[in-house]
């Protein structure tokens, strides 16, 4: 695998800059929500941000396709191209549409299913996280009973996944619901969350955050407790012991209960 991350990070940041600059001047009329066929909310800003980011990426890296949430056919991105950009123009649309600050532009470069470059920018917070993150110790609990766990994707959780979330609520020290998978993963990378759980993640939801977490040495696992891949029904991330404990809860609840 050829490491292009050093060359592609400036491209990714330029593309995200184009979106963030436009968002800073967009009026509230761009944030009116409507519903997709899938039942998810979308705004005109989601579509415009995707178009602006894609325009920059297409000009700078014309040989790398862009797979974005709003342009992907029927919202089904798999299988991914061997190399691509993965874009969630506004992760946390429900928050954005209601004037809340917990939303982010999330962009990643992925090669052979592995996120190698990640940029997450939270415009309302005035913060950006990129790979590589500055090297720093990341404090975190190593026991689920003392862990603060972010959970997202709960609106799609029924049956076994709902029982799994109930177990997380019972066994974790605290649960936090921010409404953005990208920012939950940033929280794990930064240490203000000990772990996170993403139910039914789409590749664009989590790719940049996965790159950030792995850069900080956090475990990012799938439903079987193995290294996360984009076809998994759940993502868990955190310190190794806590991440494996969460994956174990998934196995004993979501997969085994009728």
C-alpha atoms as a PDB file:
ATOM      1  CA  UNK A   1       0.000   0.000   0.000  1.00  0.00           C
ATOM      2  CA  UNK A   2       1.435   3.369  -1.056  1.00  0.00           C
ATOM      3  CA  UNK A   3       1.181   5.963   1.716  1.00  0.00           C
ATOM      4  CA  UNK A   4      -0.261   9.099   0.141  1.00  0.00           C
ATOM      5  CA  UNK A   5      -1.473  10.614   3.386  1.00  0.00           C
ATOM      6  CA  UNK A   6       1.118  13.409   3.468  1.00  0.00           C
ATOM      7  CA  UNK A   7       0.066  14.604   0.014  1.00  0.00           C
ATOM      8  CA  UNK A   8      -3.669  14.139   0.464  1.00  0.00           C
ATOM      9  CA  UNK A   9      -4.161  15.827   3.843  1.00  0.00           C
ATOM     10  CA  UNK A  10      -3.664  19.351   2.395  1.00  0.00           C
ATOM     11  CA  UNK A  11      -6.171  18.498  -0.332  1.00  0.00           C
ATOM     12  CA  UNK A  12      -8.681  17.281   2.242  1.00  0.00           C
ATOM     13  CA  UNK A  13      -8.256  20.410   4.330  1.00  0.00           C
ATOM     14  CA  UNK A  14      -8.670  22.663   1.296  1.00  0.00           C
ATOM     15  CA  UNK A  15     -11.906  20.873   0.416  1.00  0.00           C
ATOM     16  CA  UNK A  16     -13.246  21.140   3.959  1.00  0.00           C
ATOM     17  CA  UNK A  17     -12.245  24.824   4.051  1.00  0.00           C
ATOM     18  CA  UNK A  18     -14.440  25.453   1.013  1.00  0.00           C
ATOM     19  CA  UNK A  19     -17.418  23.983   2.851  1.00  0.00           C
ATOM     20  CA  UNK A  20     -16.774  25.681   6.167  1.00  0.00           C
ATOM     21  CA  UNK A  21     -16.255  29.095   4.541  1.00  0.00           C
ATOM     22  CA  UNK A  22     -19.592  28.779   2.780  1.00  0.00           C
ATOM     23  CA  UNK A  23     -21.389  27.531   5.911  1.00  0.00           C
ATOM     24  CA  UNK A  24     -20.191  30.583   7.821  1.00  0.00           C
ATOM     25  CA  UNK A  25     -22.253  32.833   5.547  1.00  0.00           C
ATOM     26  CA  UNK A  26     -25.202  30.557   4.705  1.00  0.00           C
ATOM     27  CA  UNK A  27     -28.533  31.788   5.999  1.00  0.00           C
ATOM     28  CA  UNK A  28     -30.938  29.803   8.148  1.00  0.00           C
ATOM     29  CA  UNK A  29     -33.028  28.970   5.084  1.00  0.00           C
ATOM     30  CA  UNK A  30     -30.349  26.392   4.214  1.00  0.00           C
ATOM     31  CA  UNK A  31     -30.980  24.494   7.454  1.00  0.00           C
ATOM     32  CA  UNK A  32     -34.654  23.634   6.955  1.00  0.00           C
ATOM     33  CA  UNK A  33     -34.958  19.861   7.263  1.00  0.00           C
ATOM     34  CA  UNK A  34     -36.856  17.464   5.044  1.00  0.00           C
ATOM     35  CA  UNK A  35     -36.975  13.685   5.158  1.00  0.00           C
ATOM     36  CA  UNK A  36     -35.273  11.261   2.803  1.00  0.00           C
ATOM     37  CA  UNK A  37     -36.953   8.036   1.748  1.00  0.00           C
ATOM     38  CA  UNK A  38     -34.841   6.333   4.420  1.00  0.00           C
ATOM     39  CA  UNK A  39     -36.470   8.489   7.101  1.00  0.00           C
ATOM     40  CA  UNK A  40     -33.274  10.440   7.806  1.00  0.00           C
ATOM     41  CA  UNK A  41     -33.272  14.214   7.881  1.00  0.00           C
ATOM     42  CA  UNK A  42     -31.447  16.247   5.231  1.00  0.00           C
ATOM     43  CA  UNK A  43     -31.121  19.965   4.558  1.00  0.00           C
ATOM     44  CA  UNK A  44     -30.191  22.002   1.505  1.00  0.00           C
ATOM     45  CA  UNK A  45     -26.914  22.739   3.305  1.00  0.00           C
ATOM     46  CA  UNK A  46     -26.007  19.031   3.347  1.00  0.00           C
ATOM     47  CA  UNK A  47     -26.347  18.922  -0.434  1.00  0.00           C
ATOM     48  CA  UNK A  48     -24.486  22.200  -0.990  1.00  0.00           C
ATOM     49  CA  UNK A  49     -21.595  21.269   1.295  1.00  0.00           C
ATOM     50  CA  UNK A  50     -21.207  17.948  -0.481  1.00  0.00           C
ATOM     51  CA  UNK A  51     -21.149  19.703  -3.858  1.00  0.00           C
ATOM     52  CA  UNK A  52     -18.508  22.218  -2.734  1.00  0.00           C
ATOM     53  CA  UNK A  53     -16.234  19.613  -1.146  1.00  0.00           C
ATOM     54  CA  UNK A  54     -16.603  17.333  -4.160  1.00  0.00           C
ATOM     55  CA  UNK A  55     -15.744  20.159  -6.558  1.00  0.00           C
ATOM     56  CA  UNK A  56     -12.404  20.756  -4.848  1.00  0.00           C
ATOM     57  CA  UNK A  57     -11.575  17.046  -4.591  1.00  0.00           C
ATOM     58  CA  UNK A  58     -12.480  16.416  -8.240  1.00  0.00           C
ATOM     59  CA  UNK A  59     -10.194  19.247  -9.333  1.00  0.00           C
ATOM     60  CA  UNK A  60      -7.256  18.252  -7.110  1.00  0.00           C
ATOM     61  CA  UNK A  61      -7.527  14.443  -7.255  1.00  0.00           C
ATOM     62  CA  UNK A  62      -9.541  13.591 -10.377  1.00  0.00           C
ATOM     63  CA  UNK A  63      -8.497   9.929 -10.223  1.00  0.00           C
ATOM     64  CA  UNK A  64      -9.969   9.400  -6.737  1.00  0.00           C
ATOM     65  CA  UNK A  65     -13.774   9.070  -6.661  1.00  0.00           C
ATOM     66  CA  UNK A  66     -15.824  10.809  -3.983  1.00  0.00           C
ATOM     67  CA  UNK A  67     -18.424   8.710  -2.170  1.00  0.00           C
ATOM     68  CA  UNK A  68     -20.720  11.096  -0.341  1.00  0.00           C
ATOM     69  CA  UNK A  69     -23.830  10.564   1.738  1.00  0.00           C
ATOM     70  CA  UNK A  70     -26.088  12.758  -0.362  1.00  0.00           C
ATOM     71  CA  UNK A  71     -24.966  11.504  -3.772  1.00  0.00           C
ATOM     72  CA  UNK A  72     -24.520   7.798  -3.041  1.00  0.00           C
ATOM     73  CA  UNK A  73     -27.177   5.729  -4.780  1.00  0.00           C
ATOM     74  CA  UNK A  74     -29.987   4.972  -2.322  1.00  0.00           C
ATOM     75  CA  UNK A  75     -27.575   5.610   0.537  1.00  0.00           C
ATOM     76  CA  UNK A  76     -25.762   2.313  -0.076  1.00  0.00           C
ATOM     77  CA  UNK A  77     -22.018   2.919  -0.606  1.00  0.00           C
ATOM     78  CA  UNK A  78     -20.788  -0.690  -0.425  1.00  0.00           C
ATOM     79  CA  UNK A  79     -18.734  -2.092  -1.987  1.00  0.00           C
ATOM     80  CA  UNK A  80     -16.361   0.852  -1.917  1.00  0.00           C
ATOM     81  CA  UNK A  81     -13.872   1.568  -4.687  1.00  0.00           C
ATOM     82  CA  UNK A  82     -10.317   0.419  -3.948  1.00  0.00           C
ATOM     83  CA  UNK A  83      -9.451   4.032  -3.154  1.00  0.00           C
ATOM     84  CA  UNK A  84     -11.886   6.838  -2.553  1.00  0.00           C
ATOM     85  CA  UNK A  85     -12.831   9.873  -0.541  1.00  0.00           C
ATOM     86  CA  UNK A  86     -15.633   9.270   1.972  1.00  0.00           C
ATOM     87  CA  UNK A  87     -17.656  12.360   2.811  1.00  0.00           C
ATOM     88  CA  UNK A  88     -20.381  13.120   5.302  1.00  0.00           C
ATOM     89  CA  UNK A  89     -21.143  16.771   4.497  1.00  0.00           C
ATOM     90  CA  UNK A  90     -22.927  17.409   7.791  1.00  0.00           C
ATOM     91  CA  UNK A  91     -22.705  14.633  10.351  1.00  0.00           C
ATOM     92  CA  UNK A  92     -25.351  15.493  12.922  1.00  0.00           C
ATOM     93  CA  UNK A  93     -27.900  17.018  10.538  1.00  0.00           C
ATOM     94  CA  UNK A  94     -30.631  16.842  13.180  1.00  0.00           C
ATOM     95  CA  UNK A  95     -28.521  19.022  15.478  1.00  0.00           C
ATOM     96  CA  UNK A  96     -27.622  21.417  12.651  1.00  0.00           C
ATOM     97  CA  UNK A  97     -31.237  21.834  11.554  1.00  0.00           C
ATOM     98  CA  UNK A  98     -32.250  22.772  15.112  1.00  0.00           C
ATOM     99  CA  UNK A  99     -29.433  25.260  15.622  1.00  0.00           C
ATOM    100  CA  UNK A 100     -27.391  22.947  17.847  1.00  0.00           C
ATOM    101  CA  UNK A 101     -23.568  23.050  17.751  1.00  0.00           C
ATOM    102  CA  UNK A 102     -22.804  19.317  17.689  1.00  0.00           C
ATOM    103  CA  UNK A 103     -22.369  18.695  13.972  1.00  0.00           C
ATOM    104  CA  UNK A 104     -19.329  18.305  11.757  1.00  0.00           C
ATOM    105  CA  UNK A 105     -18.012  18.049   8.222  1.00  0.00           C
ATOM    106  CA  UNK A 106     -16.313  14.636   8.045  1.00  0.00           C
ATOM    107  CA  UNK A 107     -13.929  13.681   5.211  1.00  0.00           C
ATOM    108  CA  UNK A 108     -11.597  10.687   4.903  1.00  0.00           C
ATOM    109  CA  UNK A 109      -9.356   9.138   2.295  1.00  0.00           C
ATOM    110  CA  UNK A 110      -9.784   5.351   2.267  1.00  0.00           C
ATOM    111  CA  UNK A 111      -7.587   2.790   0.536  1.00  0.00           C
ATOM    112  CA  UNK A 112      -8.445  -0.920   0.461  1.00  0.00           C
ATOM    113  CA  UNK A 113     -11.021  -0.333   3.186  1.00  0.00           C
ATOM    114  CA  UNK A 114      -8.559   1.414   5.505  1.00  0.00           C
ATOM    115  CA  UNK A 115      -9.066   5.095   6.432  1.00  0.00           C
ATOM    116  CA  UNK A 116      -5.642   6.730   6.058  1.00  0.00           C
ATOM    117  CA  UNK A 117      -6.508  10.431   6.196  1.00  0.00           C
ATOM    118  CA  UNK A 118      -9.197  11.996   8.352  1.00  0.00           C
ATOM    119  CA  UNK A 119     -10.492  15.537   8.761  1.00  0.00           C
ATOM    120  CA  UNK A 120     -13.371  16.377  11.099  1.00  0.00           C
ATOM    121  CA  UNK A 121     -14.360  20.036  11.401  1.00  0.00           C
ATOM    122  CA  UNK A 122     -17.043  21.268  13.796  1.00  0.00           C
ATOM    123  CA  UNK A 123     -17.953  24.769  12.509  1.00  0.00           C
ATOM    124  CA  UNK A 124     -20.092  25.841  15.458  1.00  0.00           C
ATOM    125  CA  UNK A 125     -17.346  24.796  17.880  1.00  0.00           C
ATOM    126  CA  UNK A 126     -14.565  26.380  15.830  1.00  0.00           C
ATOM    127  CA  UNK A 127     -12.503  23.187  16.052  1.00  0.00           C
ATOM    128  CA  UNK A 128     -10.818  20.864  13.578  1.00  0.00           C
ATOM    129  CA  UNK A 129      -9.132  17.496  14.044  1.00  0.00           C
ATOM    130  CA  UNK A 130      -6.855  15.947  11.430  1.00  0.00           C
ATOM    131  CA  UNK A 131      -4.538  13.000  11.076  1.00  0.00           C
ATOM    132  CA  UNK A 132      -1.990  12.848  12.451  1.00  0.00           C
ATOM    133  CA  UNK A 133      -3.145  14.237  15.768  1.00  0.00           C
ATOM    134  CA  UNK A 134      -0.571  15.880  18.023  1.00  0.00           C
ATOM    135  CA  UNK A 135       1.079  13.216  20.143  1.00  0.00           C
ATOM    136  CA  UNK A 136      -0.253  13.394  23.672  1.00  0.00           C
ATOM    137  CA  UNK A 137      -1.295  10.995  26.424  1.00  0.00           C
ATOM    138  CA  UNK A 138      -4.998  10.188  26.256  1.00  0.00           C
ATOM    139  CA  UNK A 139      -6.474   9.493  29.695  1.00  0.00           C
ATOM    140  CA  UNK A 140      -9.239   6.920  29.693  1.00  0.00           C
ATOM    141  CA  UNK A 141     -10.915   4.349  31.885  1.00  0.00           C
ATOM    142  CA  UNK A 142      -9.799   0.759  31.346  1.00  0.00           C
ATOM    143  CA  UNK A 143     -12.970  -0.713  32.893  1.00  0.00           C
ATOM    144  CA  UNK A 144     -16.463  -0.361  31.402  1.00  0.00           C
ATOM    145  CA  UNK A 145     -17.887   0.265  34.872  1.00  0.00           C
ATOM    146  CA  UNK A 146     -15.831   3.483  35.038  1.00  0.00           C
ATOM    147  CA  UNK A 147     -16.182   4.473  31.382  1.00  0.00           C
ATOM    148  CA  UNK A 148     -18.078   7.400  29.888  1.00  0.00           C
ATOM    149  CA  UNK A 149     -19.502   6.001  26.644  1.00  0.00           C
ATOM    150  CA  UNK A 150     -20.908   7.942  23.715  1.00  0.00           C
ATOM    151  CA  UNK A 151     -23.742   6.257  21.817  1.00  0.00           C
ATOM    152  CA  UNK A 152     -25.155   7.189  18.414  1.00  0.00           C
ATOM    153  CA  UNK A 153     -27.356   5.633  15.773  1.00  0.00           C
ATOM    154  CA  UNK A 154     -29.935   4.930  18.437  1.00  0.00           C
ATOM    155  CA  UNK A 155     -32.842   5.980  16.237  1.00  0.00           C
ATOM    156  CA  UNK A 156     -32.292   2.885  14.087  1.00  0.00           C
ATOM    157  CA  UNK A 157     -31.894   0.518  17.032  1.00  0.00           C
ATOM    158  CA  UNK A 158     -34.638  -2.065  17.543  1.00  0.00           C
ATOM    159  CA  UNK A 159     -34.753  -5.595  18.929  1.00  0.00           C
ATOM    160  CA  UNK A 160     -31.275  -6.898  19.733  1.00  0.00           C
ATOM    161  CA  UNK A 161     -29.487  -3.549  19.186  1.00  0.00           C
ATOM    162  CA  UNK A 162     -31.934  -1.867  21.560  1.00  0.00           C
ATOM    163  CA  UNK A 163     -31.280  -4.501  24.228  1.00  0.00           C
ATOM    164  CA  UNK A 164     -27.557  -3.995  23.685  1.00  0.00           C
ATOM    165  CA  UNK A 165     -27.918  -0.269  24.339  1.00  0.00           C
ATOM    166  CA  UNK A 166     -29.885  -1.036  27.487  1.00  0.00           C
ATOM    167  CA  UNK A 167     -26.964  -3.177  28.686  1.00  0.00           C
ATOM    168  CA  UNK A 168     -24.507  -0.382  27.904  1.00  0.00           C
ATOM    169  CA  UNK A 169     -26.670   1.978  29.941  1.00  0.00           C
ATOM    170  CA  UNK A 170     -26.646  -0.503  32.831  1.00  0.00           C
ATOM    171  CA  UNK A 171     -22.950  -1.354  32.806  1.00  0.00           C
ATOM    172  CA  UNK A 172     -21.155   1.852  31.800  1.00  0.00           C
ATOM    173  CA  UNK A 173     -20.414   4.581  34.323  1.00  0.00           C
ATOM    174  CA  UNK A 174     -22.186   7.198  32.179  1.00  0.00           C
ATOM    175  CA  UNK A 175     -23.705   7.350  28.684  1.00  0.00           C
ATOM    176  CA  UNK A 176     -23.581  10.451  26.492  1.00  0.00           C
ATOM    177  CA  UNK A 177     -25.674  11.045  23.353  1.00  0.00           C
ATOM    178  CA  UNK A 178     -24.281  13.835  21.161  1.00  0.00           C
ATOM    179  CA  UNK A 179     -26.010  12.966  17.892  1.00  0.00           C
ATOM    180  CA  UNK A 180     -22.850  12.764  15.784  1.00  0.00           C
ATOM    181  CA  UNK A 181     -20.808   9.616  15.168  1.00  0.00           C
ATOM    182  CA  UNK A 182     -17.889  11.712  13.908  1.00  0.00           C
ATOM    183  CA  UNK A 183     -17.763  13.760  17.108  1.00  0.00           C
ATOM    184  CA  UNK A 184     -18.179  10.677  19.308  1.00  0.00           C
ATOM    185  CA  UNK A 185     -15.105   9.179  17.645  1.00  0.00           C
ATOM    186  CA  UNK A 186     -13.257  12.482  18.055  1.00  0.00           C
ATOM    187  CA  UNK A 187     -14.173  12.314  21.742  1.00  0.00           C
ATOM    188  CA  UNK A 188     -12.560   8.880  22.019  1.00  0.00           C
ATOM    189  CA  UNK A 189      -9.444  10.084  20.201  1.00  0.00           C
ATOM    190  CA  UNK A 190      -9.216  13.173  22.439  1.00  0.00           C
ATOM    191  CA  UNK A 191     -10.083  11.381  25.682  1.00  0.00           C
ATOM    192  CA  UNK A 192     -13.239  13.239  26.703  1.00  0.00           C
ATOM    193  CA  UNK A 193     -15.078  10.003  25.987  1.00  0.00           C
ATOM    194  CA  UNK A 194     -13.616   6.718  27.173  1.00  0.00           C
ATOM    195  CA  UNK A 195     -15.421   4.782  24.454  1.00  0.00           C
ATOM    196  CA  UNK A 196     -18.210   5.051  21.927  1.00  0.00           C
ATOM    197  CA  UNK A 197     -20.777   2.833  20.237  1.00  0.00           C
ATOM    198  CA  UNK A 198     -22.103   3.558  16.740  1.00  0.00           C
ATOM    199  CA  UNK A 199     -25.168   1.547  15.692  1.00  0.00           C
ATOM    200  CA  UNK A 200     -25.582   0.839  11.950  1.00  0.00           C
ATOM    201  CA  UNK A 201     -22.719   3.121  10.892  1.00  0.00           C
ATOM    202  CA  UNK A 202     -22.397   4.065   7.238  1.00  0.00           C
ATOM    203  CA  UNK A 203     -18.821   4.390   5.944  1.00  0.00           C
ATOM    204  CA  UNK A 204     -19.048   8.182   5.592  1.00  0.00           C
ATOM    205  CA  UNK A 205     -20.329   8.482   9.181  1.00  0.00           C
ATOM    206  CA  UNK A 206     -17.216   7.021  10.749  1.00  0.00           C
ATOM    207  CA  UNK A 207     -14.265   6.843   8.324  1.00  0.00           C
ATOM    208  CA  UNK A 208     -12.548  10.063   9.409  1.00  0.00           C
ATOM    209  CA  UNK A 209     -13.169   9.330  13.093  1.00  0.00           C
ATOM    210  CA  UNK A 210     -11.763   5.819  12.723  1.00  0.00           C
ATOM    211  CA  UNK A 211      -8.565   7.287  11.288  1.00  0.00           C
ATOM    212  CA  UNK A 212      -8.312   9.709  14.221  1.00  0.00           C
ATOM    213  CA  UNK A 213      -8.922   7.028  16.853  1.00  0.00           C
ATOM    214  CA  UNK A 214      -6.407   4.622  15.366  1.00  0.00           C
ATOM    215  CA  UNK A 215      -3.876   7.436  15.134  1.00  0.00           C
ATOM    216  CA  UNK A 216      -4.211   7.829  18.914  1.00  0.00           C
ATOM    217  CA  UNK A 217      -3.888   4.080  19.510  1.00  0.00           C
ATOM    218  CA  UNK A 218      -7.534   3.437  20.335  1.00  0.00           C
ATOM    219  CA  UNK A 219      -9.101   0.088  19.470  1.00  0.00           C
ATOM    220  CA  UNK A 220     -11.818   0.312  16.811  1.00  0.00           C
ATOM    221  CA  UNK A 221     -13.720  -2.974  16.624  1.00  0.00           C
ATOM    222  CA  UNK A 222     -16.585  -4.610  14.771  1.00  0.00           C
ATOM    223  CA  UNK A 223     -19.455  -6.788  15.995  1.00  0.00           C
ATOM    224  CA  UNK A 224     -17.117  -9.774  16.431  1.00  0.00           C
ATOM    225  CA  UNK A 225     -14.442  -7.905  18.368  1.00  0.00           C
ATOM    226  CA  UNK A 226     -12.134  -7.770  15.351  1.00  0.00           C
ATOM    227  CA  UNK A 227     -10.707  -4.716  13.608  1.00  0.00           C
ATOM    228  CA  UNK A 228     -13.624  -2.669  12.326  1.00  0.00           C
ATOM    229  CA  UNK A 229     -14.640  -2.950   8.684  1.00  0.00           C
ATOM    230  CA  UNK A 230     -17.345  -0.974   6.930  1.00  0.00           C
ATOM    231  CA  UNK A 231     -19.823  -3.849   6.626  1.00  0.00           C
ATOM    232  CA  UNK A 232     -20.200  -4.275  10.399  1.00  0.00           C
ATOM    233  CA  UNK A 233     -23.604  -3.518  11.999  1.00  0.00           C
ATOM    234  CA  UNK A 234     -21.890  -1.829  14.926  1.00  0.00           C
ATOM    235  CA  UNK A 235     -18.659   0.010  15.704  1.00  0.00           C
ATOM    236  CA  UNK A 236     -17.130   0.174  19.161  1.00  0.00           C
ATOM    237  CA  UNK A 237     -14.043   2.245  19.945  1.00  0.00           C
ATOM    238  CA  UNK A 238     -12.016   3.035  23.019  1.00  0.00           C
ATOM    239  CA  UNK A 239      -9.239   1.702  25.206  1.00  0.00           C
ATOM    240  CA  UNK A 240      -8.610  -1.932  24.314  1.00  0.00           C
ATOM    241  CA  UNK A 241     -10.269  -3.529  27.361  1.00  0.00           C
ATOM    242  CA  UNK A 242     -13.345  -1.289  27.252  1.00  0.00           C
ATOM    243  CA  UNK A 243     -13.789  -1.737  23.489  1.00  0.00           C
ATOM    244  CA  UNK A 244     -13.619  -5.521  23.836  1.00  0.00           C
ATOM    245  CA  UNK A 245     -16.081  -5.410  26.728  1.00  0.00           C
ATOM    246  CA  UNK A 246     -18.545  -3.484  24.566  1.00  0.00           C
ATOM    247  CA  UNK A 247     -18.068  -5.892  21.655  1.00  0.00           C
ATOM    248  CA  UNK A 248     -18.731  -8.746  24.062  1.00  0.00           C
ATOM    249  CA  UNK A 249     -21.982  -7.117  25.175  1.00  0.00           C
ATOM    250  CA  UNK A 250     -23.073  -6.921  21.546  1.00  0.00           C
ATOM    251  CA  UNK A 251     -22.412 -10.628  21.076  1.00  0.00           C
ATOM    252  CA  UNK A 252     -24.351 -11.650  24.180  1.00  0.00           C
ATOM    253  CA  UNK A 253     -27.355  -9.369  23.595  1.00  0.00           C
ATOM    254  CA  UNK A 254     -27.882  -8.138  20.043  1.00  0.00           C
ATOM    255  CA  UNK A 255     -26.826 -11.402  18.419  1.00  0.00           C
ATOM    256  CA  UNK A 256     -28.167 -14.050  20.785  1.00  0.00           C
ATOM    257  CA  UNK A 257     -31.513 -12.708  22.004  1.00  0.00           C
ATOM    258  CA  UNK A 258     -34.613 -13.480  19.890  1.00  0.00           C
END
